[in-house]
Every structure is written in C-alpha cells, then in structure tokens.
PDB file of N, CA and C in Angstrom:
ATOM      1  N   MET A   1       0.874  -1.400   0.001  1.00  0.00           N
ATOM      2  CA  MET A   1      -0.095   0.074   0.084  1.00  0.00           C
ATOM      3  C   MET A   1       1.218   0.974  -0.048  1.00  0.00           C
ATOM      4  N   PRO A   2       0.881   1.977  -0.640  1.00  0.00           N
ATOM      5  CA  PRO A   2       0.958   3.559  -0.721  1.00  0.00           C
ATOM      6  C   PRO A   2       1.451   4.181   0.612  1.00  0.00           C
ATOM      7  N   GLU A   3       2.226   4.805   1.078  1.00  0.00           N
ATOM      8  CA  GLU A   3       2.508   5.218   2.320  1.00  0.00           C
ATOM      9  C   GLU A   3       2.803   6.433   2.518  1.00  0.00           C
ATOM     10  N   SER A   4       2.883   7.163   3.619  1.00  0.00           N
ATOM     11  CA  SER A   4       3.610   8.492   3.812  1.00  0.00           C
ATOM     12  C   SER A   4       4.263   8.162   5.350  1.00  0.00           C
ATOM     13  N   VAL A   5       5.587   8.059   5.308  1.00  0.00           N
ATOM     14  CA  VAL A   5       6.410   7.975   6.377  1.00  0.00           C
ATOM     15  C   VAL A   5       7.193   9.357   6.040  1.00  0.00           C
ATOM     16  N   LYS A   6       7.976   9.569   7.846  1.00  0.00           N
ATOM     17  CA  LYS A   6       8.586  10.496   7.704  1.00  0.00           C
ATOM     18  C   LYS A   6      10.174  10.005   8.185  1.00  0.00           C
ATOM     19  N   SER A   7      10.416   8.780   8.230  1.00  0.00           N
ATOM     20  CA  SER A   7      11.583   8.187   8.697  1.00  0.00           C
ATOM     21  C   SER A   7      12.282   7.180   7.763  1.00  0.00           C
ATOM     22  N   ARG A   8      12.112   7.249   6.256  1.00  0.00           N
ATOM     23  CA  ARG A   8      12.638   6.428   5.447  1.00  0.00           C
ATOM     24  C   ARG A   8      11.937   7.313   4.100  1.00  0.00           C
ATOM     25  N   PRO A   9      12.021   7.141   2.773  1.00  0.00           N
ATOM     26  CA  PRO A   9      11.470   7.367   1.395  1.00  0.00           C
ATOM     27  C   PRO A   9      10.137   6.562   1.633  1.00  0.00           C
ATOM     28  N   SER A  10       9.275   7.162   1.006  1.00  0.00           N
ATOM     29  CA  SER A  10       7.823   6.890   0.791  1.00  0.00           C
ATOM     30  C   SER A  10       7.740   6.026  -0.193  1.00  0.00           C
ATOM     31  N   ARG A  11       6.982   4.892  -0.189  1.00  0.00           N
ATOM     32  CA  ARG A  11       7.205   3.813  -1.376  1.00  0.00           C
ATOM     33  C   ARG A  11       5.267   4.384  -1.815  1.00  0.00           C
ATOM     34  N   LEU A  12       5.861   4.828  -3.347  1.00  0.00           N
ATOM     35  CA  LEU A  12       4.398   5.167  -3.857  1.00  0.00           C
ATOM     36  C   LEU A  12       3.842   4.135  -5.078  1.00  0.00           C
ATOM     37  N   HIS A  13       4.170   2.907  -4.991  1.00  0.00           N
ATOM     38  CA  HIS A  13       4.107   2.065  -5.793  1.00  0.00           C
ATOM     39  C   HIS A  13       3.350   0.869  -5.090  1.00  0.00           C
ATOM     40  N   GLU A  14       2.892   0.162  -6.042  1.00  0.00           N
ATOM     41  CA  GLU A  14       2.104  -1.218  -5.401  1.00  0.00           C
ATOM     42  C   GLU A  14       3.004  -2.145  -6.783  1.00  0.00           C
ATOM     43  N   TYR A  15       3.239  -3.325  -6.569  1.00  0.00           N
ATOM     44  CA  TYR A  15       3.579  -4.613  -7.282  1.00  0.00           C
ATOM     45  C   TYR A  15       2.393  -5.298  -7.715  1.00  0.00           C
ATOM     46  N   LEU A  16       2.649  -5.695  -8.863  1.00  0.00           N
ATOM     47  CA  LEU A  16       1.292  -6.475  -9.223  1.00  0.00           C
ATOM     48  C   LEU A  16       2.116  -7.868 -10.049  1.00  0.00           C
ATOM     49  N   PHE A  17       1.942  -8.993  -9.711  1.00  0.00           N
ATOM     50  CA  PHE A  17       2.165  -9.785 -10.096  1.00  0.00           C
ATOM     51  C   PHE A  17       1.036 -10.922 -11.302  1.00  0.00           C
ATOM     52  N   MET A  18       1.600 -11.096 -12.107  1.00  0.00           N
ATOM     53  CA  MET A  18       1.139 -12.448 -13.064  1.00  0.00           C
ATOM     54  C   MET A  18       1.859 -13.576 -13.087  1.00  0.00           C
ATOM     55  N   PHE A  19       0.731 -14.808 -12.743  1.00  0.00           N
ATOM     56  CA  PHE A  19       1.388 -15.830 -12.558  1.00  0.00           C
ATOM     57  C   PHE A  19       0.616 -16.916 -13.696  1.00  0.00           C
ATOM     58  N   THR A  20       1.526 -17.850 -13.739  1.00  0.00           N
ATOM     59  CA  THR A  20       1.019 -18.808 -15.174  1.00  0.00           C
ATOM     60  C   THR A  20       1.575 -20.260 -14.427  1.00  0.00           C
ATOM     61  N   LYS A  21       0.754 -21.501 -14.826  1.00  0.00           N
ATOM     62  CA  LYS A  21       1.334 -22.603 -14.199  1.00  0.00           C
ATOM     63  C   LYS A  21       2.234 -23.310 -15.390  1.00  0.00           C
ATOM     64  N   SER A  22       2.093 -22.690 -16.528  1.00  0.00           N
ATOM     65  CA  SER A  22       3.109 -23.560 -17.591  1.00  0.00           C
ATOM     66  C   SER A  22       3.995 -22.770 -17.692  1.00  0.00           C
ATOM     67  N   GLU A  23       5.139 -23.210 -18.216  1.00  0.00           N
ATOM     68  CA  GLU A  23       6.063 -22.261 -19.027  1.00  0.00           C
ATOM     69  C   GLU A  23       5.716 -21.529 -19.972  1.00  0.00           C
ATOM     70  N   ARG A  24       5.031 -22.481 -21.005  1.00  0.00           N
ATOM     71  CA  ARG A  24       4.433 -21.962 -22.435  1.00  0.00           C
ATOM     72  C   ARG A  24       2.940 -21.622 -22.229  1.00  0.00           C
ATOM     73  N   TYR A  25       2.925 -20.167 -22.626  1.00  0.00           N
ATOM     74  CA  TYR A  25       1.710 -19.776 -22.069  1.00  0.00           C
ATOM     75  C   TYR A  25       1.444 -18.566 -23.270  1.00  0.00           C
ATOM     76  N   PHE A  26       0.064 -18.202 -23.500  1.00  0.00           N
ATOM     77  CA  PHE A  26      -0.224 -17.020 -24.545  1.00  0.00           C
ATOM     78  C   PHE A  26      -0.135 -15.702 -23.965  1.00  0.00           C
ATOM     79  N   TYR A  27       0.789 -14.827 -24.692  1.00  0.00           N
ATOM     80  CA  TYR A  27       0.662 -13.251 -24.505  1.00  0.00           C
ATOM     81  C   TYR A  27       0.992 -12.597 -25.641  1.00  0.00           C
ATOM     82  N   ASP A  28       0.064 -11.382 -25.438  1.00  0.00           N
ATOM     83  CA  ASP A  28      -0.397 -10.798 -26.616  1.00  0.00           C
ATOM     84  C   ASP A  28       0.514  -9.096 -26.571  1.00  0.00           C
ATOM     85  N   SER A  29       1.210  -9.053 -26.878  1.00  0.00           N
ATOM     86  CA  SER A  29       2.199  -7.887 -26.387  1.00  0.00           C
ATOM     87  C   SER A  29       1.359  -6.989 -27.277  1.00  0.00           C
ATOM     88  N   GLU A  30       0.988  -7.234 -28.456  1.00  0.00           N
ATOM     89  CA  GLU A  30       0.205  -6.217 -29.289  1.00  0.00           C
ATOM     90  C   GLU A  30      -0.769  -5.783 -28.598  1.00  0.00           C
ATOM     91  N   ALA A  31      -1.504  -6.451 -28.115  1.00  0.00           N
ATOM     92  CA  ALA A  31      -2.975  -5.775 -27.469  1.00  0.00           C
ATOM     93  C   ALA A  31      -2.855  -4.560 -26.233  1.00  0.00           C
ATOM     94  N   VAL A  32      -1.537  -4.564 -26.052  1.00  0.00           N
ATOM     95  CA  VAL A  32      -1.663  -3.624 -24.834  1.00  0.00           C
ATOM     96  C   VAL A  32       0.169  -2.188 -25.301  1.00  0.00           C
ATOM     97  N   LYS A  33      -0.242  -2.145 -26.747  1.00  0.00           N
ATOM     98  CA  LYS A  33       0.998  -1.387 -26.994  1.00  0.00           C
ATOM     99  C   LYS A  33       0.546  -0.060 -26.460  1.00  0.00           C
ATOM    100  N   GLU A  34       1.768   0.849 -26.200  1.00  0.00           N
ATOM    101  CA  GLU A  34       1.409   2.141 -25.901  1.00  0.00           C
ATOM    102  C   GLU A  34       1.629   3.334 -26.782  1.00  0.00           C
ATOM    103  N   PRO A  35       0.639   4.185 -26.913  1.00  0.00           N
ATOM    104  CA  PRO A  35       1.200   5.024 -27.921  1.00  0.00           C
ATOM    105  C   PRO A  35       2.383   6.174 -27.134  1.00  0.00           C
ATOM    106  N   PRO A  36       3.454   6.415 -27.892  1.00  0.00           N
ATOM    107  CA  PRO A  36       4.669   7.155 -27.320  1.00  0.00           C
ATOM    108  C   PRO A  36       4.627   8.449 -27.836  1.00  0.00           C
ATOM    109  N   ASP A  37       5.525   9.575 -27.650  1.00  0.00           N
ATOM    110  CA  ASP A  37       5.586  11.066 -28.399  1.00  0.00           C
ATOM    111  C   ASP A  37       5.740  10.812 -29.574  1.00  0.00           C
ATOM    112  N   ASN A  38       4.638  10.960 -30.123  1.00  0.00           N
ATOM    113  CA  ASN A  38       5.181  11.070 -31.978  1.00  0.00           C
ATOM    114  C   ASN A  38       5.628  10.456 -32.524  1.00  0.00           C
ATOM    115  N   ARG A  39       5.833   8.644 -31.740  1.00  0.00           N
ATOM    116  CA  ARG A  39       7.032   7.866 -32.908  1.00  0.00           C
ATOM    117  C   ARG A  39       5.805   6.818 -32.799  1.00  0.00           C
ATOM    118  N   LYS A  40       6.242   5.310 -33.254  1.00  0.00           N
ATOM    119  CA  LYS A  40       5.631   4.407 -33.513  1.00  0.00           C
ATOM    120  C   LYS A  40       5.406   3.638 -32.029  1.00  0.00           C
ATOM    121  N   MET A  41       4.306   2.903 -31.916  1.00  0.00           N
ATOM    122  CA  MET A  41       3.814   2.085 -30.776  1.00  0.00           C
ATOM    123  C   MET A  41       5.015   1.273 -29.897  1.00  0.00           C
ATOM    124  N   ARG A  42       4.964   1.699 -28.840  1.00  0.00           N
ATOM    125  CA  ARG A  42       6.039   0.987 -28.125  1.00  0.00           C
ATOM    126  C   ARG A  42       5.428  -0.200 -27.080  1.00  0.00           C
ATOM    127  N   ASN A  43       6.341  -0.908 -26.294  1.00  0.00           N
ATOM    128  CA  ASN A  43       5.721  -1.978 -25.779  1.00  0.00           C
ATOM    129  C   ASN A  43       5.262  -1.479 -24.258  1.00  0.00           C
ATOM    130  N   HIS A  44       4.333  -2.283 -23.890  1.00  0.00           N
ATOM    131  CA  HIS A  44       3.993  -1.848 -22.524  1.00  0.00           C
ATOM    132  C   HIS A  44       4.996  -1.759 -21.495  1.00  0.00           C
ATOM    133  N   ARG A  45       5.115  -0.783 -20.740  1.00  0.00           N
ATOM    134  CA  ARG A  45       5.837  -0.574 -19.752  1.00  0.00           C
ATOM    135  C   ARG A  45       5.835  -1.315 -18.214  1.00  0.00           C
ATOM    136  N   SER A  46       6.648  -1.799 -17.823  1.00  0.00           N
ATOM    137  CA  SER A  46       6.773  -2.334 -16.155  1.00  0.00           C
ATOM    138  C   SER A  46       6.287  -1.323 -15.437  1.00  0.00           C
ATOM    139  N   VAL A  47       6.459  -0.159 -15.120  1.00  0.00           N
ATOM    140  CA  VAL A  47       5.440   1.134 -14.466  1.00  0.00           C
ATOM    141  C   VAL A  47       4.644   1.559 -15.022  1.00  0.00           C
ATOM    142  N   CYS A  48       3.474   2.052 -14.331  1.00  0.00           N
ATOM    143  CA  CYS A  48       2.197   2.404 -14.725  1.00  0.00           C
ATOM    144  C   CYS A  48       1.841   3.616 -14.071  1.00  0.00           C
ATOM    145  N   ASN A  49       1.203   4.535 -14.411  1.00  0.00           N
ATOM    146  CA  ASN A  49       1.049   5.882 -13.530  1.00  0.00           C
ATOM    147  C   ASN A  49      -0.646   5.433 -13.647  1.00  0.00           C
ATOM    148  N   ILE A  50      -1.227   4.922 -12.760  1.00  0.00           N
ATOM    149  CA  ILE A  50      -2.644   4.946 -12.651  1.00  0.00           C
ATOM    150  C   ILE A  50      -3.240   5.690 -11.766  1.00  0.00           C
ATOM    151  N   GLN A  51      -4.127   6.941 -11.857  1.00  0.00           N
ATOM    152  CA  GLN A  51      -4.998   7.454 -10.965  1.00  0.00           C
ATOM    153  C   GLN A  51      -5.725   6.769 -10.212  1.00  0.00           C
ATOM    154  N   ILE A  52      -6.041   7.019  -8.788  1.00  0.00           N
ATOM    155  CA  ILE A  52      -6.498   6.032  -7.968  1.00  0.00           C
ATOM    156  C   ILE A  52      -7.779   7.376  -8.366  1.00  0.00           C
ATOM    157  N   LYS A  53      -8.897   6.563  -8.841  1.00  0.00           N
ATOM    158  CA  LYS A  53     -10.245   7.105  -8.328  1.00  0.00           C
ATOM    159  C   LYS A  53     -11.246   6.483  -7.256  1.00  0.00           C
ATOM    160  N   GLY A  54     -11.696   7.311  -6.368  1.00  0.00           N
ATOM    161  CA  GLY A  54     -12.459   7.206  -5.470  1.00  0.00           C
ATOM    162  C   GLY A  54     -14.116   6.797  -6.013  1.00  0.00           C
ATOM    163  N   PHE A  55     -14.980   6.499  -5.067  1.00  0.00           N
ATOM    164  CA  PHE A  55     -16.299   6.167  -5.105  1.00  0.00           C
ATOM    165  C   PHE A  55     -16.822   6.718  -4.140  1.00  0.00           C
ATOM    166  N   SER A  56     -17.808   7.795  -4.513  1.00  0.00           N
ATOM    167  CA  SER A  56     -18.239   8.719  -3.034  1.00  0.00           C
ATOM    168  C   SER A  56     -19.420   7.961  -2.804  1.00  0.00           C
ATOM    169  N   GLY A  57     -19.417   8.069  -1.298  1.00  0.00           N
ATOM    170  CA  GLY A  57     -20.228   7.040  -0.299  1.00  0.00           C
ATOM    171  C   GLY A  57     -20.166   6.136  -0.022  1.00  0.00           C
ATOM    172  N   VAL A  58     -18.860   5.217  -0.600  1.00  0.00           N
ATOM    173  CA  VAL A  58     -18.417   3.955  -0.676  1.00  0.00           C
ATOM    174  C   VAL A  58     -16.913   3.725   0.258  1.00  0.00           C
ATOM    175  N   ASN A  59     -17.115   3.040   1.035  1.00  0.00           N
ATOM    176  CA  ASN A  59     -16.012   2.808   1.666  1.00  0.00           C
ATOM    177  C   ASN A  59     -15.162   1.129   1.573  1.00  0.00           C
ATOM    178  N   PHE A  60     -14.646   1.135   0.573  1.00  0.00           N
ATOM    179  CA  PHE A  60     -13.904  -0.542  -0.162  1.00  0.00           C
ATOM    180  C   PHE A  60     -13.112  -0.282  -1.021  1.00  0.00           C
ATOM    181  N   ALA A  61     -12.182  -1.195  -1.087  1.00  0.00           N
ATOM    182  CA  ALA A  61     -11.166  -1.166  -1.791  1.00  0.00           C
ATOM    183  C   ALA A  61     -11.471  -1.922  -3.257  1.00  0.00           C
ATOM    184  N   THR A  62     -11.214  -1.400  -4.435  1.00  0.00           N
ATOM    185  CA  THR A  62     -11.396  -2.260  -5.542  1.00  0.00           C
ATOM    186  C   THR A  62     -10.266  -1.668  -6.622  1.00  0.00           C
ATOM    187  N   PHE A  63     -10.400  -2.699  -7.597  1.00  0.00           N
ATOM    188  CA  PHE A  63      -9.151  -2.548  -8.512  1.00  0.00           C
ATOM    189  C   PHE A  63      -9.748  -1.404  -9.310  1.00  0.00           C
ATOM    190  N   GLN A  64      -8.711  -0.317  -9.831  1.00  0.00           N
ATOM    191  CA  GLN A  64      -9.138   0.381 -11.303  1.00  0.00           C
ATOM    192  C   GLN A  64      -9.236  -0.427 -12.623  1.00  0.00           C
ATOM    193  N   THR A  65     -10.094  -0.367 -13.686  1.00  0.00           N
ATOM    194  CA  THR A  65     -10.277  -1.168 -14.870  1.00  0.00           C
ATOM    195  C   THR A  65      -8.754  -0.665 -15.622  1.00  0.00           C
ATOM    196  N   GLU A  66      -8.293   0.182 -15.347  1.00  0.00           N
ATOM    197  CA  GLU A  66      -7.035   0.672 -15.876  1.00  0.00           C
ATOM    198  C   GLU A  66      -5.858  -0.369 -15.378  1.00  0.00           C
ATOM    199  N   LEU A  67      -6.026  -0.798 -14.299  1.00  0.00           N
ATOM    200  CA  LEU A  67      -4.998  -1.551 -13.645  1.00  0.00           C
ATOM    201  C   LEU A  67      -5.064  -3.115 -14.105  1.00  0.00           C
ATOM    202  N   VAL A  68      -6.559  -3.434 -14.285  1.00  0.00           N
ATOM    203  CA  VAL A  68      -6.792  -5.256 -14.835  1.00  0.00           C
ATOM    204  C   VAL A  68      -6.746  -5.043 -16.195  1.00  0.00           C
ATOM    205  N   ARG A  69      -7.156  -3.941 -17.155  1.00  0.00           N
ATOM    206  CA  ARG A  69      -7.299  -4.222 -18.690  1.00  0.00           C
ATOM    207  C   ARG A  69      -5.828  -4.982 -18.900  1.00  0.00           C
ATOM    208  N   PRO A  70      -4.760  -4.062 -19.022  1.00  0.00           N
ATOM    209  CA  PRO A  70      -3.488  -4.783 -19.294  1.00  0.00           C
ATOM    210  C   PRO A  70      -3.195  -6.279 -19.307  1.00  0.00           C
ATOM    211  N   CYS A  71      -3.423  -6.378 -17.773  1.00  0.00           N
ATOM    212  CA  CYS A  71      -3.518  -8.279 -18.026  1.00  0.00           C
ATOM    213  C   CYS A  71      -4.463  -8.934 -18.114  1.00  0.00           C
ATOM    214  N   ILE A  72      -5.964  -8.257 -18.530  1.00  0.00           N
ATOM    215  CA  ILE A  72      -6.605  -9.483 -19.268  1.00  0.00           C
ATOM    216  C   ILE A  72      -6.334  -9.444 -20.573  1.00  0.00           C
ATOM    217  N   LEU A  73      -6.031  -8.384 -21.507  1.00  0.00           N
ATOM    218  CA  LEU A  73      -5.702  -8.141 -22.683  1.00  0.00           C
ATOM    219  C   LEU A  73      -4.186  -8.800 -23.098  1.00  0.00           C
ATOM    220  N   ASP A  74      -3.679  -9.062 -22.356  1.00  0.00           N
ATOM    221  CA  ASP A  74      -2.233  -9.518 -22.627  1.00  0.00           C
ATOM    222  C   ASP A  74      -1.993 -10.958 -22.324  1.00  0.00           C
ATOM    223  N   LEU A  75      -3.003 -11.529 -21.650  1.00  0.00           N
ATOM    224  CA  LEU A  75      -2.760 -12.776 -21.369  1.00  0.00           C
ATOM    225  C   LEU A  75      -4.007 -13.947 -21.815  1.00  0.00           C
ATOM    226  N   THR A  76      -4.939 -13.076 -22.499  1.00  0.00           N
ATOM    227  CA  THR A  76      -6.002 -13.897 -23.048  1.00  0.00           C
ATOM    228  C   THR A  76      -6.370 -13.493 -24.573  1.00  0.00           C
ATOM    229  N   GLN A  77      -7.352 -14.403 -24.738  1.00  0.00           N
ATOM    230  CA  GLN A  77      -7.589 -14.118 -26.352  1.00  0.00           C
ATOM    231  C   GLN A  77      -9.255 -14.217 -26.295  1.00  0.00           C
ATOM    232  N   LEU A  78      -9.589 -13.497 -27.474  1.00  0.00           N
ATOM    233  CA  LEU A  78     -11.267 -13.267 -27.425  1.00  0.00           C
ATOM    234  C   LEU A  78     -11.632 -14.915 -27.110  1.00  0.00           C
ATOM    235  N   GLY A  79     -12.905 -14.309 -26.624  1.00  0.00           N
ATOM    236  CA  GLY A  79     -13.714 -15.744 -26.010  1.00  0.00           C
ATOM    237  C   GLY A  79     -13.455 -16.581 -24.870  1.00  0.00           C
ATOM    238  N   ASP A  80     -11.770 -16.514 -24.531  1.00  0.00           N
ATOM    239  CA  ASP A  80     -11.501 -16.956 -23.235  1.00  0.00           C
ATOM    240  C   ASP A  80     -12.210 -16.954 -21.841  1.00  0.00           C
ATOM    241  N   TYR A  81     -12.280 -17.945 -21.298  1.00  0.00           N
ATOM    242  CA  TYR A  81     -12.736 -17.644 -19.920  1.00  0.00           C
ATOM    243  C   TYR A  81     -12.018 -17.245 -18.846  1.00  0.00           C
ATOM    244  N   VAL A  82     -11.790 -16.809 -17.912  1.00  0.00           N
ATOM    245  CA  VAL A  82     -11.287 -16.448 -16.811  1.00  0.00           C
ATOM    246  C   VAL A  82     -11.790 -16.556 -15.745  1.00  0.00           C
ATOM    247  N   VAL A  83     -11.139 -17.374 -14.919  1.00  0.00           N
ATOM    248  CA  VAL A  83     -11.823 -17.241 -13.082  1.00  0.00           C
ATOM    249  C   VAL A  83     -11.146 -15.878 -12.196  1.00  0.00           C
ATOM    250  N   ASP A  84     -12.286 -15.465 -11.694  1.00  0.00           N
ATOM    251  CA  ASP A  84     -11.911 -14.649 -10.606  1.00  0.00           C
ATOM    252  C   ASP A  84     -12.339 -14.794  -9.584  1.00  0.00           C
ATOM    253  N   PRO A  85     -11.290 -15.749  -8.589  1.00  0.00           N
ATOM    254  CA  PRO A  85     -11.724 -16.026  -7.674  1.00  0.00           C
ATOM    255  C   PRO A  85     -12.092 -15.251  -5.990  1.00  0.00           C
ATOM    256  N   PHE A  86     -11.714 -14.015  -6.805  1.00  0.00           N
ATOM    257  CA  PHE A  86     -11.979 -12.402  -5.559  1.00  0.00           C
ATOM    258  C   PHE A  86     -12.811 -11.664  -6.188  1.00  0.00           C
ATOM    259  N   PHE A  87     -13.660 -12.374  -6.677  1.00  0.00           N
ATOM    260  CA  PHE A  87     -14.535 -11.476  -7.276  1.00  0.00           C
ATOM    261  C   PHE A  87     -15.894 -10.798  -6.120  1.00  0.00           C
ATOM    262  N   VAL A  88     -15.440  -9.466  -6.171  1.00  0.00           N
ATOM    263  CA  VAL A  88     -16.128  -8.646  -5.050  1.00  0.00           C
ATOM    264  C   VAL A  88     -16.710  -7.798  -5.476  1.00  0.00           C
ATOM    265  N   THR A  89     -16.006  -7.002  -6.395  1.00  0.00           N
ATOM    266  CA  THR A  89     -16.776  -5.772  -7.050  1.00  0.00           C
ATOM    267  C   THR A  89     -16.928  -6.466  -8.454  1.00  0.00           C
ATOM    268  N   ILE A  90     -17.596  -5.531  -9.523  1.00  0.00           N
ATOM    269  CA  ILE A  90     -17.930  -5.953 -10.849  1.00  0.00           C
ATOM    270  C   ILE A  90     -16.794  -5.394 -11.423  1.00  0.00           C
ATOM    271  N   THR A  91     -15.907  -4.612 -11.189  1.00  0.00           N
ATOM    272  CA  THR A  91     -14.718  -4.350 -12.088  1.00  0.00           C
ATOM    273  C   THR A  91     -14.088  -5.062 -13.044  1.00  0.00           C
ATOM    274  N   VAL A  92     -13.608  -6.152 -12.408  1.00  0.00           N
ATOM    275  CA  VAL A  92     -13.122  -7.136 -13.221  1.00  0.00           C
ATOM    276  C   VAL A  92     -14.273  -7.706 -14.222  1.00  0.00           C
ATOM    277  N   GLY A  93     -15.108  -7.883 -13.918  1.00  0.00           N
ATOM    278  CA  GLY A  93     -16.320  -8.277 -14.821  1.00  0.00           C
ATOM    279  C   GLY A  93     -16.718  -7.340 -16.095  1.00  0.00           C
ATOM    280  N   VAL A  94     -16.359  -5.880 -15.621  1.00  0.00           N
ATOM    281  CA  VAL A  94     -16.344  -5.181 -16.356  1.00  0.00           C
ATOM    282  C   VAL A  94     -15.693  -4.984 -17.557  1.00  0.00           C
ATOM    283  N   VAL A  95     -14.160  -5.157 -17.343  1.00  0.00           N
ATOM    284  CA  VAL A  95     -12.988  -5.504 -18.110  1.00  0.00           C
ATOM    285  C   VAL A  95     -13.253  -6.924 -18.905  1.00  0.00           C
ATOM    286  N   PHE A  96     -13.683  -7.624 -18.382  1.00  0.00           N
ATOM    287  CA  PHE A  96     -13.691  -8.938 -19.030  1.00  0.00           C
ATOM    288  C   PHE A  96     -14.626  -9.016 -20.348  1.00  0.00           C
ATOM    289  N   GLN A  97     -15.797  -8.289 -20.157  1.00  0.00           N
ATOM    290  CA  GLN A  97     -16.905  -8.040 -21.000  1.00  0.00           C
ATOM    291  C   GLN A  97     -16.187  -7.011 -22.057  1.00  0.00           C
ATOM    292  N   GLU A  98     -16.084  -6.042 -21.453  1.00  0.00           N
ATOM    293  CA  GLU A  98     -15.680  -4.735 -22.673  1.00  0.00           C
ATOM    294  C   GLU A  98     -14.247  -5.791 -24.019  1.00  0.00           C
ATOM    295  N   GLY A  99     -13.611  -6.409 -23.301  1.00  0.00           N
ATOM    296  CA  GLY A  99     -12.451  -7.198 -24.051  1.00  0.00           C
ATOM    297  C   GLY A  99     -13.266  -8.213 -24.680  1.00  0.00           C
ATOM    298  N   SER A 100     -14.180  -8.867 -24.483  1.00  0.00           N
ATOM    299  CA  SER A 100     -14.770 -10.002 -25.086  1.00  0.00           C
ATOM    300  C   SER A 100     -14.503 -10.967 -24.601  1.00  0.00           C
ATOM    301  N   ARG A 101     -14.359 -11.223 -23.340  1.00  0.00           N
ATOM    302  CA  ARG A 101     -13.640 -12.208 -22.629  1.00  0.00           C
ATOM    303  C   ARG A 101     -14.866 -13.046 -21.884  1.00  0.00           C
ATOM    304  N   ASN A 102     -14.873 -14.031 -20.877  1.00  0.00           N
ATOM    305  CA  ASN A 102     -16.038 -14.506 -20.607  1.00  0.00           C
ATOM    306  C   ASN A 102     -15.189 -14.712 -18.918  1.00  0.00           C
ATOM    307  N   TYR A 103     -15.987 -14.709 -18.077  1.00  0.00           N
ATOM    308  CA  TYR A 103     -15.221 -14.780 -16.634  1.00  0.00           C
ATOM    309  C   TYR A 103     -16.661 -15.318 -15.513  1.00  0.00           C
ATOM    310  N   LEU A 104     -16.285 -16.195 -14.825  1.00  0.00           N
ATOM    311  CA  LEU A 104     -16.740 -17.222 -14.008  1.00  0.00           C
ATOM    312  C   LEU A 104     -16.393 -16.097 -12.462  1.00  0.00           C
ATOM    313  N   GLU A 105     -17.044 -16.030 -11.785  1.00  0.00           N
ATOM    314  CA  GLU A 105     -17.069 -15.404 -10.152  1.00  0.00           C
ATOM    315  C   GLU A 105     -17.292 -16.555  -9.046  1.00  0.00           C
ATOM    316  N   ILE A 106     -16.488 -17.005  -8.344  1.00  0.00           N
ATOM    317  CA  ILE A 106     -16.805 -17.761  -7.692  1.00  0.00           C
ATOM    318  C   ILE A 106     -17.006 -17.093  -6.164  1.00  0.00           C
TER     319      ILE A 106
END
C-alpha cells in the first residue's frame, strides 16, 4: 500500500504479479502497445501511472479498470474464460466484457 512516512523514503507504488502454471503460455504484446511521443507504438512498460479514483459514499477497496485491463488483454484471447476467485466488485467483470472475454466469479 502506498504510504506517507517521515523516517524513510515513501513507497508510492504497488506490485502487480501475473502468474502462470505453464512455462508456455499465451501473451499478446500487441494488445497493450502504448502510444509514445510522436513515434511508433511501444511495448507496455513495467511501471504504470494509474490515478486512483474514489467512489462517493462507498468505503471499500477495488481495482481500477486501468490496472486490470492490460493483464486481461495481455494474457487472454477473444472468447477465453477467466476465473476470478476474488470477485467482490464488478470492476473485473466489466473489463472482461469490454474485451470480449468470459468470466466466472466464485
């Protein structure tokens, strides 16, 4: 969790891990190419700047769609099924549907 401390440098990032069970897996780097500054598209970067958006009147943690989208587009194909064992909010499901993927919540 990002923090505000005075006795050491503040950590302003969180890690995102993508795991696979197999050494051979699908990865679509073209699906998440980023627009550069007046040049050709470039590969997705390992550090992303995603602004946190709040939900008025609601006090719970949720993923931003901008955080989930690259993971889904990178690692799945159209029509794939994805299991979301932590399905608490509809955010992940929205990203699955936007990307023409199917999801199962548990």
